[in-house]
Amino acid sequence: MKDKTWAEVRARDTALVAACLAGDESAWTEVWSRYGSLVKAVALRAGCDGEEARDVVQKVALIALQSLSRLKEPGKLPGWLAGVARFQALEMIRQRRRGEEIQESSLVYHVEHADDLARDQELAALRQVFVRLDPRCKRMLTRLDLEDPPASYKEVSLDEGLASTSIGPIRRRCLRRLKKLLADLSQSPSRTHC
């Protein structure tokens, strides 16, 4: 792979994704032989120990299996896998630090007794639609709902140059947009996965 140009690597990744979606198991094996170590390295760099990194690789593989058809630019497969790996690693670390089940943020509805795969699918869907929000919504929801501890309305209003009384209504509109994007995603037709 060292002697190949980026264009050749991206073309091969595009072909691999297409083959995976067509059910070619050898393509799936090649994807993981090429990028499994990348996913593990991202998890380790994020702060996971060896066992947690292996768990992250398994979670990312499951998410990829379920969501590969939604990858808009198949040539960017390694970046997508690395992003999913980083998100999963940070969730793993949060879980370890809290010493209990991950408490989903107010952005993700809580499903009692949901199995790990269902929760991972919800988190992957949330991540997929979160990036579609406008930059202000992303900043505000991250600060108010995802950071631990969350920022206050006063802090956010100062940083955004807004009145503190406008933060709540803007946050609600952003959450409605996010909820609509999630609903649209759940209604989109599913494709065959590798």
Protein backbone atom coordinates (compact mmCIF):
# COMPACT_ATOMS: atom_id res chain seq x y z
CA MET A 1 0.00 0.00 0.00
CA LYS A 2 3.00 2.31 0.51
CA ASP A 3 3.69 2.59 -3.23
CA LYS A 4 0.11 3.40 -4.18
CA THR A 5 -1.18 6.93 -4.68
CA TRP A 6 -4.04 8.28 -2.59
CA ALA A 7 -6.27 8.10 -5.66
CA GLU A 8 -5.51 4.38 -6.06
CA VAL A 9 -6.12 3.70 -2.36
CA ARG A 10 -9.42 5.59 -2.43
CA ALA A 11 -10.47 3.78 -5.62
CA ARG A 12 -9.68 0.42 -3.97
CA ASP A 13 -11.63 1.44 -0.85
CA THR A 14 -14.60 2.42 -3.02
CA ALA A 15 -14.45 -0.97 -4.76
CA LEU A 16 -14.17 -2.77 -1.41
CA VAL A 17 -17.24 -1.00 -0.01
CA ALA A 18 -19.23 -1.87 -3.14
CA ALA A 19 -18.11 -5.51 -2.89
CA CYS A 20 -19.04 -5.62 0.82
CA LEU A 21 -22.49 -4.25 0.05
CA ALA A 22 -22.85 -6.95 -2.61
CA GLY A 23 -22.13 -9.60 0.05
CA ASP A 24 -18.51 -10.43 -0.83
CA GLU A 25 -17.01 -11.85 2.38
CA SER A 26 -13.46 -11.65 1.01
CA ALA A 27 -13.91 -7.88 0.60
CA TRP A 28 -15.03 -7.62 4.24
CA THR A 29 -11.94 -9.60 5.27
CA GLU A 30 -9.72 -7.29 3.22
CA VAL A 31 -11.29 -4.19 4.81
CA TRP A 32 -10.40 -5.48 8.28
CA SER A 33 -6.94 -6.68 7.29
CA ARG A 34 -6.27 -3.18 5.93
CA TYR A 35 -7.94 -1.09 8.62
CA GLY A 36 -8.39 -3.22 11.75
CA SER A 37 -5.02 -2.05 13.11
CA LEU A 38 -6.02 1.58 12.40
CA VAL A 39 -9.21 1.17 14.44
CA LYS A 40 -7.25 -0.42 17.30
CA ALA A 41 -4.58 2.32 17.18
CA VAL A 42 -7.25 5.04 17.35
CA ALA A 43 -8.76 3.36 20.41
CA LEU A 44 -5.37 3.05 22.11
CA ARG A 45 -4.50 6.67 21.29
CA ALA A 46 -7.82 7.79 22.79
CA GLY A 47 -6.82 6.14 26.08
CA CYS A 48 -8.25 2.62 25.96
CA ASP A 49 -6.24 -0.27 27.36
CA GLY A 50 -5.57 -3.35 25.21
CA GLU A 51 -8.75 -5.21 26.15
CA GLU A 52 -10.90 -2.11 25.68
CA ALA A 53 -9.25 -1.47 22.30
CA ARG A 54 -10.18 -5.00 21.18
CA ASP A 55 -13.76 -4.34 22.30
CA VAL A 56 -13.76 -1.10 20.31
CA VAL A 57 -12.61 -2.98 17.19
CA GLN A 58 -15.52 -5.41 17.61
CA LYS A 59 -18.02 -2.58 18.14
CA VAL A 60 -16.75 -0.69 15.11
CA ALA A 61 -16.99 -3.86 13.01
CA LEU A 62 -20.62 -4.31 14.07
CA ILE A 63 -21.44 -0.68 13.36
CA ALA A 64 -19.72 -0.88 9.97
CA LEU A 65 -21.66 -4.04 9.18
CA GLN A 66 -24.93 -2.25 9.90
CA SER A 67 -24.09 1.20 8.51
CA LEU A 68 -21.71 0.74 5.58
CA SER A 69 -24.50 1.41 3.09
CA ARG A 70 -24.87 4.92 4.53
CA LEU A 71 -21.26 5.87 3.83
CA LYS A 72 -21.65 8.70 1.31
CA GLU A 73 -18.02 8.72 0.14
CA PRO A 74 -16.73 5.12 0.13
CA GLY A 75 -13.25 6.36 -0.78
CA LYS A 76 -13.06 7.89 2.69
CA LEU A 77 -13.59 4.53 4.42
CA PRO A 78 -10.51 4.74 6.69
CA GLY A 79 -11.46 8.19 7.96
CA TRP A 80 -15.01 7.04 8.64
CA LEU A 81 -13.78 3.95 10.50
CA ALA A 82 -11.33 6.07 12.51
CA GLY A 83 -14.11 8.51 13.45
CA VAL A 84 -16.43 5.72 14.59
CA ALA A 85 -13.52 4.16 16.50
CA ARG A 86 -12.71 7.40 18.29
CA PHE A 87 -16.34 7.91 19.28
CA GLN A 88 -16.62 4.32 20.56
CA ALA A 89 -13.31 4.59 22.43
CA LEU A 90 -14.42 7.76 24.20
CA GLU A 91 -17.69 6.07 25.16
CA MET A 92 -15.70 3.11 26.51
CA ILE A 93 -13.51 5.43 28.57
CA ARG A 94 -16.53 7.33 29.94
CA GLN A 95 -18.08 4.03 30.95
CA ARG A 96 -14.89 2.95 32.70
CA ARG A 97 -14.54 6.26 34.53
CA ARG A 98 -18.09 6.26 35.76
CA GLY A 99 -17.92 2.62 36.80
CA GLU A 100 -21.49 2.10 35.64
CA GLU A 101 -23.54 1.88 32.49
CA ILE A 102 -23.11 4.82 30.16
CA GLN A 103 -25.73 7.45 30.88
CA GLU A 104 -26.97 8.56 27.50
CA SER A 105 -27.05 12.31 27.05
CA SER A 106 -30.37 14.08 26.62
CA LEU A 107 -29.73 13.86 22.87
CA VAL A 108 -30.30 10.10 22.89
CA TYR A 109 -33.48 8.66 24.32
CA HIS A 110 -32.90 6.02 26.97
CA VAL A 111 -34.01 2.52 26.10
CA GLU A 112 -34.08 0.31 29.17
CA HIS A 113 -32.53 -3.11 28.81
CA ALA A 114 -31.32 -2.38 25.27
CA ASP A 115 -28.54 -4.68 24.18
CA ASP A 116 -25.12 -3.30 23.26
CA LEU A 117 -25.68 -3.60 19.51
CA ALA A 118 -28.93 -1.61 19.63
CA ARG A 119 -27.23 1.11 21.70
CA ASP A 120 -24.28 1.19 19.32
CA GLN A 121 -26.63 1.53 16.37
CA GLU A 122 -28.42 4.42 18.09
CA LEU A 123 -25.12 6.14 18.82
CA ALA A 124 -23.91 5.63 15.25
CA ALA A 125 -27.18 7.05 13.91
CA LEU A 126 -26.93 9.99 16.28
CA ARG A 127 -23.37 10.68 15.18
CA GLN A 128 -24.37 10.41 11.52
CA VAL A 129 -27.15 13.00 11.82
CA PHE A 130 -25.37 15.24 14.35
CA VAL A 131 -22.81 16.23 11.70
CA ARG A 132 -25.67 17.47 9.49
CA LEU A 133 -26.69 20.14 11.99
CA ASP A 134 -25.60 23.71 11.40
CA PRO A 135 -22.39 24.74 13.22
CA ARG A 136 -24.17 26.77 15.93
CA CYS A 137 -26.46 23.86 16.82
CA LYS A 138 -23.49 21.48 16.95
CA ARG A 139 -21.56 23.83 19.26
CA MET A 140 -24.49 24.51 21.53
CA LEU A 141 -25.67 20.91 21.86
CA THR A 142 -22.12 19.73 22.45
CA ARG A 143 -21.59 22.28 25.22
CA LEU A 144 -25.03 21.95 26.83
CA ASP A 145 -25.69 18.22 26.44
CA LEU A 146 -22.50 16.29 25.70
CA GLU A 147 -19.78 17.92 27.80
CA ASP A 148 -19.29 16.71 31.33
CA PRO A 149 -20.01 18.93 33.18
CA PRO A 150 -22.29 20.79 30.80
CA ALA A 151 -21.78 24.50 30.20
CA SER A 152 -24.29 26.92 31.67
CA TYR A 153 -26.66 28.96 29.52
CA LYS A 154 -24.77 32.04 30.66
CA GLU A 155 -21.41 30.66 29.43
CA VAL A 156 -22.88 29.64 26.09
CA SER A 157 -24.65 32.98 25.63
CA LEU A 158 -21.39 34.86 26.23
CA ASP A 159 -19.46 32.67 23.79
CA GLU A 160 -22.19 32.84 21.13
CA GLY A 161 -22.88 36.55 21.59
CA LEU A 162 -26.55 35.92 22.38
CA ALA A 163 -28.89 36.85 25.22
CA SER A 164 -29.00 34.09 27.83
CA THR A 165 -32.80 33.97 27.49
CA SER A 166 -32.44 32.91 23.85
CA ILE A 167 -30.29 29.83 24.59
CA GLY A 168 -33.18 27.61 25.76
CA PRO A 169 -35.39 28.24 22.71
CA ILE A 170 -32.44 27.81 20.32
CA ARG A 171 -31.47 24.56 22.07
CA ARG A 172 -35.04 23.26 21.73
CA ARG A 173 -35.07 24.10 18.00
CA CYS A 174 -31.73 22.33 17.56
CA LEU A 175 -33.03 19.25 19.40
CA ARG A 176 -36.16 19.25 17.20
CA ARG A 177 -33.95 19.37 14.08
CA LEU A 178 -31.84 16.53 15.43
CA LYS A 179 -34.95 14.48 16.24
CA LYS A 180 -36.33 15.07 12.72
CA LEU A 181 -33.02 14.00 11.13
CA LEU A 182 -33.05 10.83 13.26
CA ALA A 183 -36.65 10.12 12.25
CA ASP A 184 -35.81 10.67 8.57
CA LEU A 185 -32.81 8.34 8.90
CA SER A 186 -34.88 5.60 10.55
CA GLN A 187 -37.45 5.82 7.73
CA SER A 188 -34.87 5.58 4.95
CA PRO A 189 -34.88 2.21 3.15
CA SER A 190 -32.20 -0.15 4.39
CA ARG A 191 -29.81 -1.82 2.00
CA THR A 192 -28.10 -5.17 2.08
CA HIS A 193 -25.05 -5.15 4.30
CA CYS A 194 -21.93 -7.21 4.03
